[in-house]
Amino acid sequence: MKQMQITLTTVKDIRNFVNEVILVDYDVDLVQGRYTIDAKSIMGIFSLDLLSPINLIAHTDNADALFAKLEGFKA
């Protein structure tokens, strides 16, 4: 399991983020406070507070390629 803090501030950011995350074959979650949602769910992302950082959790030990693609979203 690997983690990083991200921010998603615009609809375009969310769309680009989901387009990258849906390509991986392992589970990726977004955690904010007591809420945990599937990072591949656009509707789920919109339920979060987008003004605050979000913790991304990739349920694999080999998430380096994904994290490199998501570097632009890093908080």
PDB file of N, CA and C in Angstrom:
ATOM      1  N   MET A   1       0.851  -1.167   0.000  1.00  0.00           N
ATOM      2  CA  MET A   1       0.000   0.000   0.000  1.00  0.00           C
ATOM      3  C   MET A   1       0.903   1.237   0.000  1.00  0.00           C
ATOM      4  N   LYS A   2       0.614   2.163  -0.903  1.00  0.00           N
ATOM      5  CA  LYS A   2       1.358   3.419  -0.991  1.00  0.00           C
ATOM      6  C   LYS A   2       0.382   4.578  -0.928  1.00  0.00           C
ATOM      7  N   GLN A   3       0.867   5.714  -0.401  1.00  0.00           N
ATOM      8  CA  GLN A   3      -0.002   6.868  -0.207  1.00  0.00           C
ATOM      9  C   GLN A   3       0.660   8.147  -0.697  1.00  0.00           C
ATOM     10  N   MET A   4      -0.176   9.124  -1.046  1.00  0.00           N
ATOM     11  CA  MET A   4       0.282  10.476  -1.330  1.00  0.00           C
ATOM     12  C   MET A   4      -0.880  11.439  -1.127  1.00  0.00           C
ATOM     13  N   GLN A   5      -0.577  12.685  -0.842  1.00  0.00           N
ATOM     14  CA  GLN A   5      -1.583  13.728  -0.693  1.00  0.00           C
ATOM     15  C   GLN A   5      -1.771  14.414  -2.041  1.00  0.00           C
ATOM     16  N   ILE A   6      -3.037  14.616  -2.440  1.00  0.00           N
ATOM     17  CA  ILE A   6      -3.334  15.274  -3.707  1.00  0.00           C
ATOM     18  C   ILE A   6      -4.349  16.388  -3.484  1.00  0.00           C
ATOM     19  N   THR A   7      -4.467  17.251  -4.486  1.00  0.00           N
ATOM     20  CA  THR A   7      -5.536  18.244  -4.525  1.00  0.00           C
ATOM     21  C   THR A   7      -6.182  18.181  -5.899  1.00  0.00           C
ATOM     22  N   LEU A   8      -7.490  18.268  -5.920  1.00  0.00           N
ATOM     23  CA  LEU A   8      -8.276  18.292  -7.153  1.00  0.00           C
ATOM     24  C   LEU A   8      -9.173  19.520  -7.066  1.00  0.00           C
ATOM     25  N   THR A   9      -8.867  20.554  -7.853  1.00  0.00           N
ATOM     26  CA  THR A   9      -9.569  21.825  -7.670  1.00  0.00           C
ATOM     27  C   THR A   9     -10.551  22.161  -8.781  1.00  0.00           C
ATOM     28  N   THR A  10     -10.411  21.545  -9.944  1.00  0.00           N
ATOM     29  CA  THR A  10     -11.311  21.866 -11.053  1.00  0.00           C
ATOM     30  C   THR A  10     -11.933  20.593 -11.611  1.00  0.00           C
ATOM     31  N   VAL A  11     -12.993  20.766 -12.364  1.00  0.00           N
ATOM     32  CA  VAL A  11     -13.639  19.629 -13.024  1.00  0.00           C
ATOM     33  C   VAL A  11     -12.659  18.976 -13.998  1.00  0.00           C
ATOM     34  N   LYS A  12     -11.868  19.776 -14.675  1.00  0.00           N
ATOM     35  CA  LYS A  12     -10.866  19.240 -15.607  1.00  0.00           C
ATOM     36  C   LYS A  12      -9.828  18.407 -14.853  1.00  0.00           C
ATOM     37  N   ASP A  13      -9.390  18.872 -13.676  1.00  0.00           N
ATOM     38  CA  ASP A  13      -8.457  18.096 -12.854  1.00  0.00           C
ATOM     39  C   ASP A  13      -9.055  16.741 -12.494  1.00  0.00           C
ATOM     40  N   ILE A  14     -10.312  16.747 -12.077  1.00  0.00           N
ATOM     41  CA  ILE A  14     -10.970  15.501 -11.679  1.00  0.00           C
ATOM     42  C   ILE A  14     -11.072  14.550 -12.863  1.00  0.00           C
ATOM     43  N   ARG A  15     -11.466  15.059 -14.011  1.00  0.00           N
ATOM     44  CA  ARG A  15     -11.587  14.221 -15.203  1.00  0.00           C
ATOM     45  C   ARG A  15     -10.232  13.625 -15.585  1.00  0.00           C
ATOM     46  N   ASN A  16      -9.181  14.438 -15.589  1.00  0.00           N
ATOM     47  CA  ASN A  16      -7.845  13.947 -15.934  1.00  0.00           C
ATOM     48  C   ASN A  16      -7.339  12.938 -14.909  1.00  0.00           C
ATOM     49  N   PHE A  17      -7.615  13.186 -13.639  1.00  0.00           N
ATOM     50  CA  PHE A  17      -7.216  12.269 -12.578  1.00  0.00           C
ATOM     51  C   PHE A  17      -7.889  10.908 -12.757  1.00  0.00           C
ATOM     52  N   VAL A  18      -9.202  10.908 -12.937  1.00  0.00           N
ATOM     53  CA  VAL A  18      -9.937   9.647 -13.089  1.00  0.00           C
ATOM     54  C   VAL A  18      -9.483   8.909 -14.344  1.00  0.00           C
ATOM     55  N   ASN A  19      -9.211   9.627 -15.424  1.00  0.00           N
ATOM     56  CA  ASN A  19      -8.741   8.982 -16.654  1.00  0.00           C
ATOM     57  C   ASN A  19      -7.419   8.253 -16.450  1.00  0.00           C
ATOM     58  N   GLU A  20      -6.568   8.727 -15.562  1.00  0.00           N
ATOM     59  CA  GLU A  20      -5.314   8.026 -15.250  1.00  0.00           C
ATOM     60  C   GLU A  20      -5.550   6.850 -14.312  1.00  0.00           C
ATOM     61  N   VAL A  21      -6.384   7.053 -13.298  1.00  0.00           N
ATOM     62  CA  VAL A  21      -6.584   6.030 -12.273  1.00  0.00           C
ATOM     63  C   VAL A  21      -7.329   4.814 -12.818  1.00  0.00           C
ATOM     64  N   ILE A  22      -8.258   5.015 -13.753  1.00  0.00           N
ATOM     65  CA  ILE A  22      -9.030   3.866 -14.256  1.00  0.00           C
ATOM     66  C   ILE A  22      -8.174   2.897 -15.063  1.00  0.00           C
ATOM     67  N   LEU A  23      -6.983   3.297 -15.443  1.00  0.00           N
ATOM     68  CA  LEU A  23      -6.114   2.432 -16.237  1.00  0.00           C
ATOM     69  C   LEU A  23      -5.377   1.382 -15.408  1.00  0.00           C
ATOM     70  N   VAL A  24      -5.345   1.531 -14.094  1.00  0.00           N
ATOM     71  CA  VAL A  24      -4.616   0.567 -13.266  1.00  0.00           C
ATOM     72  C   VAL A  24      -5.544  -0.569 -12.845  1.00  0.00           C
ATOM     73  N   ASP A  25      -4.953  -1.742 -12.598  1.00  0.00           N
ATOM     74  CA  ASP A  25      -5.760  -2.924 -12.288  1.00  0.00           C
ATOM     75  C   ASP A  25      -5.836  -3.230 -10.790  1.00  0.00           C
ATOM     76  N   TYR A  26      -5.463  -2.283  -9.965  1.00  0.00           N
ATOM     77  CA  TYR A  26      -5.562  -2.453  -8.514  1.00  0.00           C
ATOM     78  C   TYR A  26      -6.470  -1.358  -7.945  1.00  0.00           C
ATOM     79  N   ASP A  27      -6.888  -1.538  -6.703  1.00  0.00           N
ATOM     80  CA  ASP A  27      -7.792  -0.579  -6.066  1.00  0.00           C
ATOM     81  C   ASP A  27      -7.045   0.679  -5.655  1.00  0.00           C
ATOM     82  N   VAL A  28      -7.693   1.810  -5.874  1.00  0.00           N
ATOM     83  CA  VAL A  28      -7.166   3.106  -5.455  1.00  0.00           C
ATOM     84  C   VAL A  28      -8.306   3.825  -4.735  1.00  0.00           C
ATOM     85  N   ASP A  29      -8.033   4.271  -3.522  1.00  0.00           N
ATOM     86  CA  ASP A  29      -9.038   4.964  -2.718  1.00  0.00           C
ATOM     87  C   ASP A  29      -8.610   6.393  -2.451  1.00  0.00           C
ATOM     88  N   LEU A  30      -9.597   7.238  -2.203  1.00  0.00           N
ATOM     89  CA  LEU A  30      -9.365   8.594  -1.729  1.00  0.00           C
ATOM     90  C   LEU A  30      -9.962   8.690  -0.335  1.00  0.00           C
ATOM     91  N   VAL A  31      -9.185   9.194   0.610  1.00  0.00           N
ATOM     92  CA  VAL A  31      -9.623   9.284   2.000  1.00  0.00           C
ATOM     93  C   VAL A  31      -9.533  10.737   2.442  1.00  0.00           C
ATOM     94  N   GLN A  32     -10.626  11.199   3.026  1.00  0.00           N
ATOM     95  CA  GLN A  32     -10.665  12.552   3.577  1.00  0.00           C
ATOM     96  C   GLN A  32     -11.511  12.499   4.841  1.00  0.00           C
ATOM     97  N   GLY A  33     -10.865  12.702   5.977  1.00  0.00           N
ATOM     98  CA  GLY A  33     -11.578  12.581   7.244  1.00  0.00           C
ATOM     99  C   GLY A  33     -12.064  11.157   7.438  1.00  0.00           C
ATOM    100  N   ARG A  34     -13.350  11.003   7.682  1.00  0.00           N
ATOM    101  CA  ARG A  34     -13.900   9.658   7.883  1.00  0.00           C
ATOM    102  C   ARG A  34     -14.458   9.047   6.603  1.00  0.00           C
ATOM    103  N   TYR A  35     -14.321   9.740   5.487  1.00  0.00           N
ATOM    104  CA  TYR A  35     -14.860   9.262   4.214  1.00  0.00           C
ATOM    105  C   TYR A  35     -13.783   8.577   3.380  1.00  0.00           C
ATOM    106  N   THR A  36     -14.113   7.415   2.850  1.00  0.00           N
ATOM    107  CA  THR A  36     -13.245   6.689   1.928  1.00  0.00           C
ATOM    108  C   THR A  36     -14.061   6.391   0.689  1.00  0.00           C
ATOM    109  N   ILE A  37     -13.562   6.832  -0.472  1.00  0.00           N
ATOM    110  CA  ILE A  37     -14.299   6.603  -1.717  1.00  0.00           C
ATOM    111  C   ILE A  37     -13.364   5.984  -2.755  1.00  0.00           C
ATOM    112  N   ASP A  38     -13.956   5.338  -3.736  1.00  0.00           N
ATOM    113  CA  ASP A  38     -13.218   4.749  -4.849  1.00  0.00           C
ATOM    114  C   ASP A  38     -12.688   5.880  -5.730  1.00  0.00           C
ATOM    115  N   ALA A  39     -11.378   5.914  -5.949  1.00  0.00           N
ATOM    116  CA  ALA A  39     -10.767   6.987  -6.738  1.00  0.00           C
ATOM    117  C   ALA A  39     -11.166   6.925  -8.210  1.00  0.00           C
ATOM    118  N   LYS A  40     -11.772   5.833  -8.633  1.00  0.00           N
ATOM    119  CA  LYS A  40     -12.206   5.697 -10.026  1.00  0.00           C
ATOM    120  C   LYS A  40     -13.625   6.219 -10.237  1.00  0.00           C
ATOM    121  N   SER A  41     -14.241   6.756  -9.182  1.00  0.00           N
ATOM    122  CA  SER A  41     -15.623   7.229  -9.222  1.00  0.00           C
ATOM    123  C   SER A  41     -15.676   8.756  -9.261  1.00  0.00           C
ATOM    124  N   ILE A  42     -16.064   9.296 -10.397  1.00  0.00           N
ATOM    125  CA  ILE A  42     -16.182  10.748 -10.523  1.00  0.00           C
ATOM    126  C   ILE A  42     -17.216  11.281  -9.536  1.00  0.00           C
ATOM    127  N   MET A  43     -18.345  10.621  -9.422  1.00  0.00           N
ATOM    128  CA  MET A  43     -19.389  11.082  -8.500  1.00  0.00           C
ATOM    129  C   MET A  43     -18.903  11.031  -7.050  1.00  0.00           C
ATOM    130  N   GLY A  44     -18.146  10.004  -6.712  1.00  0.00           N
ATOM    131  CA  GLY A  44     -17.602   9.915  -5.365  1.00  0.00           C
ATOM    132  C   GLY A  44     -16.657  11.059  -5.056  1.00  0.00           C
ATOM    133  N   ILE A  45     -15.823  11.423  -6.015  1.00  0.00           N
ATOM    134  CA  ILE A  45     -14.876  12.523  -5.815  1.00  0.00           C
ATOM    135  C   ILE A  45     -15.619  13.819  -5.550  1.00  0.00           C
ATOM    136  N   PHE A  46     -16.719  14.047  -6.254  1.00  0.00           N
ATOM    137  CA  PHE A  46     -17.480  15.274  -6.047  1.00  0.00           C
ATOM    138  C   PHE A  46     -18.130  15.339  -4.660  1.00  0.00           C
ATOM    139  N   SER A  47     -18.194  14.223  -3.944  1.00  0.00           N
ATOM    140  CA  SER A  47     -18.757  14.241  -2.594  1.00  0.00           C
ATOM    141  C   SER A  47     -17.735  14.702  -1.553  1.00  0.00           C
ATOM    142  N   LEU A  48     -16.473  14.849  -1.956  1.00  0.00           N
ATOM    143  CA  LEU A  48     -15.423  15.278  -1.033  1.00  0.00           C
ATOM    144  C   LEU A  48     -15.305  16.800  -1.004  1.00  0.00           C
ATOM    145  N   ASP A  49     -14.621  17.306   0.012  1.00  0.00           N
ATOM    146  CA  ASP A  49     -14.313  18.734   0.112  1.00  0.00           C
ATOM    147  C   ASP A  49     -13.094  18.993  -0.771  1.00  0.00           C
ATOM    148  N   LEU A  50     -13.314  19.575  -1.934  1.00  0.00           N
ATOM    149  CA  LEU A  50     -12.239  19.757  -2.906  1.00  0.00           C
ATOM    150  C   LEU A  50     -11.322  20.929  -2.569  1.00  0.00           C
ATOM    151  N   LEU A  51     -11.624  21.664  -1.518  1.00  0.00           N
ATOM    152  CA  LEU A  51     -10.757  22.760  -1.095  1.00  0.00           C
ATOM    153  C   LEU A  51      -9.658  22.281  -0.143  1.00  0.00           C
ATOM    154  N   SER A  52      -9.760  21.043   0.317  1.00  0.00           N
ATOM    155  CA  SER A  52      -8.789  20.469   1.252  1.00  0.00           C
ATOM    156  C   SER A  52      -8.003  19.354   0.573  1.00  0.00           C
ATOM    157  N   PRO A  53      -6.782  19.082   1.048  1.00  0.00           N
ATOM    158  CA  PRO A  53      -6.005  17.961   0.495  1.00  0.00           C
ATOM    159  C   PRO A  53      -6.718  16.629   0.720  1.00  0.00           C
ATOM    160  N   ILE A  54      -6.474  15.702  -0.184  1.00  0.00           N
ATOM    161  CA  ILE A  54      -7.092  14.377  -0.154  1.00  0.00           C
ATOM    162  C   ILE A  54      -5.971  13.346  -0.118  1.00  0.00           C
ATOM    163  N   ASN A  55      -6.121  12.329   0.713  1.00  0.00           N
ATOM    164  CA  ASN A  55      -5.126  11.266   0.809  1.00  0.00           C
ATOM    165  C   ASN A  55      -5.461  10.170  -0.201  1.00  0.00           C
ATOM    166  N   LEU A  56      -4.551   9.906  -1.130  1.00  0.00           N
ATOM    167  CA  LEU A  56      -4.718   8.845  -2.118  1.00  0.00           C
ATOM    168  C   LEU A  56      -4.005   7.602  -1.605  1.00  0.00           C
ATOM    169  N   ILE A  57      -4.693   6.469  -1.622  1.00  0.00           N
ATOM    170  CA  ILE A  57      -4.114   5.205  -1.187  1.00  0.00           C
ATOM    171  C   ILE A  57      -4.216   4.211  -2.335  1.00  0.00           C
ATOM    172  N   ALA A  58      -3.058   3.739  -2.803  1.00  0.00           N
ATOM    173  CA  ALA A  58      -3.006   2.710  -3.844  1.00  0.00           C
ATOM    174  C   ALA A  58      -2.741   1.376  -3.154  1.00  0.00           C
ATOM    175  N   HIS A  59      -3.617   0.414  -3.363  1.00  0.00           N
ATOM    176  CA  HIS A  59      -3.514  -0.879  -2.695  1.00  0.00           C
ATOM    177  C   HIS A  59      -2.625  -1.827  -3.491  1.00  0.00           C
ATOM    178  N   THR A  60      -1.366  -1.442  -3.589  1.00  0.00           N
ATOM    179  CA  THR A  60      -0.336  -2.232  -4.247  1.00  0.00           C
ATOM    180  C   THR A  60       1.009  -1.720  -3.766  1.00  0.00           C
ATOM    181  N   ASP A  61       2.039  -2.510  -3.936  1.00  0.00           N
ATOM    182  CA  ASP A  61       3.387  -2.045  -3.605  1.00  0.00           C
ATOM    183  C   ASP A  61       4.094  -1.495  -4.834  1.00  0.00           C
ATOM    184  N   ASN A  62       3.448  -1.579  -5.991  1.00  0.00           N
ATOM    185  CA  ASN A  62       4.064  -1.160  -7.247  1.00  0.00           C
ATOM    186  C   ASN A  62       3.258  -0.019  -7.872  1.00  0.00           C
ATOM    187  N   ALA A  63       3.151   1.096  -7.166  1.00  0.00           N
ATOM    188  CA  ALA A  63       2.356   2.228  -7.653  1.00  0.00           C
ATOM    189  C   ALA A  63       3.220   3.358  -8.192  1.00  0.00           C
ATOM    190  N   ASP A  64       4.512   3.109  -8.374  1.00  0.00           N
ATOM    191  CA  ASP A  64       5.420   4.176  -8.798  1.00  0.00           C
ATOM    192  C   ASP A  64       5.025   4.778 -10.137  1.00  0.00           C
ATOM    193  N   ALA A  65       4.607   3.960 -11.084  1.00  0.00           N
ATOM    194  CA  ALA A  65       4.212   4.477 -12.406  1.00  0.00           C
ATOM    195  C   ALA A  65       2.977   5.368 -12.284  1.00  0.00           C
ATOM    196  N   LEU A  66       2.004   4.947 -11.498  1.00  0.00           N
ATOM    197  CA  LEU A  66       0.802   5.761 -11.294  1.00  0.00           C
ATOM    198  C   LEU A  66       1.156   7.066 -10.598  1.00  0.00           C
ATOM    199  N   PHE A  67       1.970   6.999  -9.554  1.00  0.00           N
ATOM    200  CA  PHE A  67       2.330   8.208  -8.815  1.00  0.00           C
ATOM    201  C   PHE A  67       3.108   9.181  -9.689  1.00  0.00           C
ATOM    202  N   ALA A  68       3.905   8.673 -10.613  1.00  0.00           N
ATOM    203  CA  ALA A  68       4.628   9.551 -11.544  1.00  0.00           C
ATOM    204  C   ALA A  68       3.640  10.292 -12.442  1.00  0.00           C
ATOM    205  N   LYS A  69       2.593   9.607 -12.894  1.00  0.00           N
ATOM    206  CA  LYS A  69       1.579  10.243 -13.743  1.00  0.00           C
ATOM    207  C   LYS A  69       0.740  11.252 -12.967  1.00  0.00           C
ATOM    208  N   LEU A  70       0.600  11.041 -11.666  1.00  0.00           N
ATOM    209  CA  LEU A  70      -0.236  11.909 -10.839  1.00  0.00           C
ATOM    210  C   LEU A  70       0.568  13.000 -10.134  1.00  0.00           C
ATOM    211  N   GLU A  71       1.823  13.151 -10.470  1.00  0.00           N
ATOM    212  CA  GLU A  71       2.693  14.133  -9.812  1.00  0.00           C
ATOM    213  C   GLU A  71       2.120  15.549  -9.869  1.00  0.00           C
ATOM    214  N   GLY A  72       1.426  15.890 -10.944  1.00  0.00           N
ATOM    215  CA  GLY A  72       0.842  17.213 -11.083  1.00  0.00           C
ATOM    216  C   GLY A  72      -0.301  17.496 -10.117  1.00  0.00           C
ATOM    217  N   PHE A  73      -0.842  16.460  -9.497  1.00  0.00           N
ATOM    218  CA  PHE A  73      -1.937  16.622  -8.535  1.00  0.00           C
ATOM    219  C   PHE A  73      -1.441  16.632  -7.092  1.00  0.00           C
ATOM    220  N   LYS A  74      -0.142  16.452  -6.904  1.00  0.00           N
ATOM    221  CA  LYS A  74       0.420  16.346  -5.558  1.00  0.00           C
ATOM    222  C   LYS A  74       0.188  17.630  -4.771  1.00  0.00           C
ATOM    223  N   ALA A  75      -0.233  17.461  -3.518  1.00  0.00           N
ATOM    224  CA  ALA A  75      -0.532  18.629  -2.661  1.00  0.00           C
ATOM    225  C   ALA A  75       0.748  19.241  -2.126  1.00  0.00           C
TER     226      ALA A  75
END
